[in-house]
Amino acid sequence: MTQFEIIPAIDILDGQVVRLTQGDYDQVENYATTPEDFAKAFYQAGAKRIHLVDLNGAKEGQLVNLEVFKKIRKTVPCELELGGGIRSYDSVQQLIDIGINYLILGSLLTKQWDLASQWIVKHPLRFIAGVDAKDNTVAIEGWKEASQYQVSDLVIKLNQLPLESIIYTDISKDGTFKGPNLEALTDISTLSTLPIIASGGVGTIDHIRSIEKISHLGISGCIVGKAFLSGKISLEDALAPPH
């Protein structure tokens, strides 16, 4: 990524678009619009990349909503990044075969570092590391477990791999509209040699601008999910140049 990108997110559970609050599968908000229609609307509004999550996959440890992602890929020509349930090389190959541009690894990086590293080296700049933070500890398995890693330790370790970027999510902020954790983003960007994509907490255009203001530190974009889906802000407005 060269310029700061605003990346709309589509989370899929049981084939439908949903949003969770703080990663809680018991706090689910469903949307009637189909995933491919959301993707089309985002693309038409100017999105250059869309963030996709297989929530079933994150929970079950295997890809579940592949057919949905095939439909999205056929509907929009923009870049797609996808995470959730990528635990086998078969899943990697399936996603590459259907045309997903970037694959996001989270749990695998903490549980099977050597295996994840092999995949990343085999496909340089094709993978993104998903670092999900809960009280400075990396959360895994759909945010249901804490790993043995402190966030800073994992971020430093990731510098040795040919990753496209790191997505940093503050779980306590996710889906709350309360704003991003700018302090943590600043700290992480000083430790990382990779571009950082911010995720979690965006509820207003001002929140997006606040992340953009520290983009010179190596923060290449931000993911916005619930705020777009619920109509709190529009992608068109977010992409418009600041007045």
Protein backbone atom coordinates (compact mmCIF):
# COMPACT_ATOMS: atom_id res chain seq x y z
CA MET A 1 0.00 0.00 0.00
CA THR A 2 1.37 3.38 -0.88
CA GLN A 3 -1.35 5.76 0.26
CA PHE A 4 -3.60 5.52 3.30
CA GLU A 5 -6.51 3.22 2.50
CA ILE A 6 -9.94 2.98 4.07
CA ILE A 7 -10.94 -0.69 3.93
CA PRO A 8 -14.59 -1.67 4.48
CA ALA A 9 -15.14 -4.98 6.26
CA ILE A 10 -17.67 -7.74 5.67
CA ASP A 11 -17.93 -10.40 8.37
CA ILE A 12 -19.66 -13.64 7.38
CA LEU A 13 -21.43 -16.01 9.77
CA ASP A 14 -23.55 -18.87 8.40
CA GLY A 15 -23.43 -17.27 4.94
CA GLN A 16 -24.83 -13.94 6.12
CA VAL A 17 -23.34 -10.53 6.87
CA VAL A 18 -23.10 -9.88 10.61
CA ARG A 19 -21.24 -7.71 13.06
CA LEU A 20 -20.10 -8.79 16.50
CA THR A 21 -19.33 -6.50 19.43
CA GLN A 22 -15.86 -7.08 20.92
CA GLY A 23 -15.68 -10.41 19.10
CA ASP A 24 -18.57 -11.87 21.12
CA TYR A 25 -20.52 -14.48 19.14
CA ASP A 26 -23.44 -13.89 21.54
CA GLN A 27 -23.63 -10.24 20.50
CA VAL A 28 -24.52 -10.66 16.83
CA GLU A 29 -26.17 -8.09 14.62
CA ASN A 30 -27.52 -9.52 11.34
CA TYR A 31 -27.93 -7.65 8.05
CA ALA A 32 -30.44 -8.64 5.39
CA THR A 33 -28.30 -7.49 2.45
CA THR A 34 -26.29 -10.26 0.79
CA PRO A 35 -22.49 -10.29 1.17
CA GLU A 36 -21.96 -9.77 -2.57
CA ASP A 37 -24.36 -6.80 -2.63
CA PHE A 38 -22.47 -5.18 0.24
CA ALA A 39 -19.21 -5.79 -1.63
CA LYS A 40 -20.64 -4.29 -4.81
CA ALA A 41 -21.86 -1.20 -2.95
CA PHE A 42 -18.45 -0.72 -1.31
CA TYR A 43 -16.65 -1.11 -4.63
CA GLN A 44 -19.00 1.33 -6.37
CA ALA A 45 -18.43 3.82 -3.54
CA GLY A 46 -14.70 3.74 -4.24
CA ALA A 47 -13.23 0.92 -2.14
CA LYS A 48 -9.94 -0.37 -3.54
CA ARG A 49 -9.78 -3.23 -1.05
CA ILE A 50 -12.39 -5.10 1.02
CA HIS A 51 -11.70 -7.00 4.24
CA LEU A 52 -13.51 -10.35 4.55
CA VAL A 53 -13.82 -12.53 7.64
CA ASP A 54 -15.07 -16.11 7.89
CA LEU A 55 -16.40 -16.01 11.46
CA ASN A 56 -17.41 -19.67 11.35
CA GLY A 57 -13.91 -20.43 10.14
CA ALA A 58 -12.27 -18.48 12.95
CA LYS A 59 -14.28 -20.47 15.48
CA GLU A 60 -14.02 -23.91 13.85
CA GLY A 61 -10.47 -23.73 12.52
CA GLN A 62 -11.35 -24.38 8.89
CA LEU A 63 -12.87 -22.46 5.99
CA VAL A 64 -16.66 -22.61 6.09
CA ASN A 65 -18.01 -19.85 3.84
CA LEU A 66 -15.95 -20.47 0.70
CA GLU A 67 -18.98 -20.33 -1.63
CA VAL A 68 -19.86 -16.87 -0.31
CA PHE A 69 -16.34 -15.65 -1.00
CA LYS A 70 -16.47 -17.06 -4.53
CA LYS A 71 -19.62 -14.99 -5.16
CA ILE A 72 -17.96 -11.84 -3.80
CA ARG A 73 -14.88 -12.43 -5.97
CA LYS A 74 -17.06 -12.75 -9.07
CA THR A 75 -18.97 -9.58 -8.16
CA VAL A 76 -16.14 -7.10 -7.56
CA PRO A 77 -12.73 -6.53 -9.23
CA CYS A 78 -11.08 -4.75 -6.28
CA GLU A 79 -8.54 -6.34 -3.95
CA LEU A 80 -9.87 -8.76 -1.34
CA GLU A 81 -8.16 -9.74 1.91
CA LEU A 82 -9.57 -12.64 3.90
CA GLY A 83 -9.09 -14.16 7.32
CA GLY A 84 -10.72 -16.72 9.58
CA GLY A 85 -10.03 -20.42 9.62
CA ILE A 86 -6.91 -20.54 7.43
CA ARG A 87 -5.16 -23.41 9.21
CA SER A 88 -4.22 -25.75 6.34
CA TYR A 89 -2.35 -25.34 3.09
CA ASP A 90 -5.43 -26.71 1.29
CA SER A 91 -7.31 -23.63 2.51
CA VAL A 92 -4.49 -21.38 1.32
CA GLN A 93 -4.58 -22.96 -2.13
CA GLN A 94 -8.38 -22.79 -2.35
CA LEU A 95 -8.38 -19.07 -1.57
CA ILE A 96 -5.55 -18.31 -3.98
CA ASP A 97 -7.36 -20.36 -6.67
CA ILE A 98 -10.59 -18.35 -6.34
CA GLY A 99 -8.64 -15.08 -6.59
CA ILE A 100 -8.35 -13.79 -3.03
CA ASN A 101 -5.45 -11.30 -3.07
CA TYR A 102 -4.28 -11.44 0.55
CA LEU A 103 -4.69 -14.13 3.20
CA ILE A 104 -4.74 -13.20 6.87
CA LEU A 105 -3.10 -15.51 9.41
CA GLY A 106 -3.74 -15.08 13.12
CA SER A 107 -3.89 -18.13 15.39
CA LEU A 108 -1.49 -20.14 13.23
CA LEU A 109 1.29 -17.58 13.76
CA THR A 110 1.19 -18.16 17.51
CA LYS A 111 0.50 -21.90 17.51
CA GLN A 112 2.50 -23.15 14.51
CA TRP A 113 5.08 -20.48 13.73
CA ASP A 114 7.28 -22.70 11.55
CA LEU A 115 4.38 -23.84 9.36
CA ALA A 116 3.00 -20.31 8.97
CA SER A 117 6.49 -19.03 8.12
CA GLN A 118 6.88 -21.64 5.38
CA TRP A 119 3.65 -20.51 3.71
CA ILE A 120 4.60 -16.84 3.97
CA VAL A 121 8.07 -17.43 2.49
CA LYS A 122 6.54 -19.54 -0.31
CA HIS A 123 4.09 -16.72 -1.18
CA PRO A 124 5.89 -13.45 -0.32
CA LEU A 125 3.70 -10.36 0.17
CA ARG A 126 0.58 -12.53 -0.15
CA PHE A 127 -0.04 -12.92 3.57
CA ILE A 128 -1.09 -10.45 6.24
CA ALA A 129 -0.54 -11.06 9.96
CA GLY A 130 -3.62 -10.53 12.09
CA VAL A 131 -2.57 -9.34 15.55
CA ASP A 132 -5.59 -9.19 17.82
CA ALA A 133 -4.85 -7.55 21.16
CA LYS A 134 -6.58 -8.03 24.49
CA ASP A 135 -4.80 -6.25 27.37
CA ASN A 136 -1.45 -6.37 25.51
CA THR A 137 -1.77 -10.14 24.97
CA VAL A 138 -2.42 -11.66 21.53
CA ALA A 139 -5.87 -13.31 21.40
CA ILE A 140 -6.47 -16.31 19.14
CA GLU A 141 -9.10 -18.85 18.02
CA GLY A 142 -11.78 -16.29 17.15
CA TRP A 143 -10.68 -14.24 20.19
CA LYS A 144 -11.78 -17.00 22.55
CA GLU A 145 -8.26 -17.80 23.85
CA ALA A 146 -5.19 -15.89 24.98
CA SER A 147 -1.88 -16.91 23.37
CA GLN A 148 1.49 -16.99 25.11
CA TYR A 149 2.57 -13.89 23.17
CA GLN A 150 2.70 -10.30 24.27
CA VAL A 151 1.67 -8.05 21.35
CA SER A 152 5.05 -6.29 21.18
CA ASP A 153 6.99 -9.58 21.09
CA LEU A 154 4.93 -10.98 18.22
CA VAL A 155 5.12 -7.72 16.22
CA ILE A 156 8.94 -7.71 16.50
CA LYS A 157 9.10 -11.39 15.50
CA LEU A 158 6.96 -10.72 12.41
CA ASN A 159 9.56 -8.27 11.07
CA GLN A 160 11.62 -11.21 9.77
CA LEU A 161 8.88 -12.43 7.41
CA PRO A 162 7.94 -11.15 3.89
CA LEU A 163 4.42 -10.16 4.93
CA GLU A 164 2.28 -7.62 3.09
CA SER A 165 1.27 -5.92 6.34
CA ILE A 166 -0.01 -6.40 9.89
CA ILE A 167 -3.64 -5.82 10.86
CA TYR A 168 -3.73 -4.64 14.48
CA THR A 169 -7.09 -5.00 16.22
CA ASP A 170 -7.81 -3.73 19.71
CA ILE A 171 -10.56 -6.16 20.78
CA SER A 172 -11.78 -3.86 23.55
CA LYS A 173 -12.57 -1.23 20.90
CA ASP A 174 -14.03 -3.47 18.21
CA GLY A 175 -17.63 -2.70 17.31
CA THR A 176 -17.96 -0.03 20.01
CA PHE A 177 -17.66 3.17 17.87
CA LYS A 178 -15.53 4.62 20.68
CA GLY A 179 -12.50 5.41 18.55
CA PRO A 180 -9.21 3.68 17.78
CA ASN A 181 -6.41 3.02 20.26
CA LEU A 182 -4.00 5.59 18.86
CA GLU A 183 -1.46 5.08 21.63
CA ALA A 184 -1.15 1.34 20.90
CA LEU A 185 -1.02 2.00 17.14
CA THR A 186 1.83 4.46 17.66
CA ASP A 187 3.73 2.00 19.87
CA ILE A 188 3.32 -0.88 17.41
CA SER A 189 4.32 1.16 14.39
CA THR A 190 7.60 2.06 16.10
CA LEU A 191 8.36 -1.66 16.64
CA SER A 192 7.33 -2.87 13.19
CA THR A 193 9.13 -2.60 9.87
CA LEU A 194 5.88 -3.67 8.14
CA PRO A 195 2.91 -1.46 7.24
CA ILE A 196 0.22 -1.46 9.95
CA ILE A 197 -3.52 -1.54 9.19
CA ALA A 198 -5.63 -0.32 12.11
CA SER A 199 -8.82 -2.12 13.07
CA GLY A 200 -11.39 -1.64 15.81
CA GLY A 201 -13.35 1.25 17.24
CA VAL A 202 -13.98 3.51 14.22
CA GLY A 203 -17.37 5.19 14.57
CA THR A 204 -16.91 8.58 12.92
CA ILE A 205 -14.99 10.17 10.07
CA ASP A 206 -12.94 12.01 12.71
CA HIS A 207 -11.77 8.65 14.01
CA ILE A 208 -10.56 7.75 10.51
CA ARG A 209 -8.80 11.12 10.19
CA SER A 210 -7.10 10.61 13.56
CA ILE A 211 -5.53 7.39 12.27
CA GLU A 212 -4.63 9.03 8.97
CA LYS A 213 -2.80 11.77 10.88
CA ILE A 214 -0.32 9.20 12.20
CA SER A 215 -0.01 7.36 8.87
CA HIS A 216 3.52 8.79 8.48
CA LEU A 217 4.56 6.35 11.25
CA GLY A 218 3.87 3.43 8.91
CA ILE A 219 0.13 3.03 9.34
CA SER A 220 -1.09 2.30 5.84
CA GLY A 221 -4.84 2.05 6.33
CA CYS A 222 -7.79 1.34 8.57
CA ILE A 223 -10.58 -1.22 8.49
CA VAL A 224 -14.13 0.00 9.09
CA GLY A 225 -16.95 -2.47 9.58
CA LYS A 226 -19.94 -1.76 11.76
CA ALA A 227 -19.87 2.02 11.21
CA PHE A 228 -20.37 1.54 7.45
CA LEU A 229 -22.84 -1.34 7.73
CA SER A 230 -25.04 0.48 10.24
CA GLY A 231 -24.98 3.72 8.24
CA LYS A 232 -23.23 5.78 10.93
CA ILE A 233 -20.85 6.98 8.22
CA SER A 234 -20.75 6.41 4.48
CA LEU A 235 -17.73 5.19 2.56
CA GLU A 236 -18.22 8.03 0.04
CA ASP A 237 -17.92 10.62 2.82
CA ALA A 238 -14.94 8.84 4.36
CA LEU A 239 -13.12 8.75 1.02
CA ALA A 240 -13.86 12.40 0.22
CA PRO A 241 -10.87 14.76 0.70
CA PRO A 242 -10.93 16.56 4.07
CA HIS A 243 -12.33 20.09 3.84
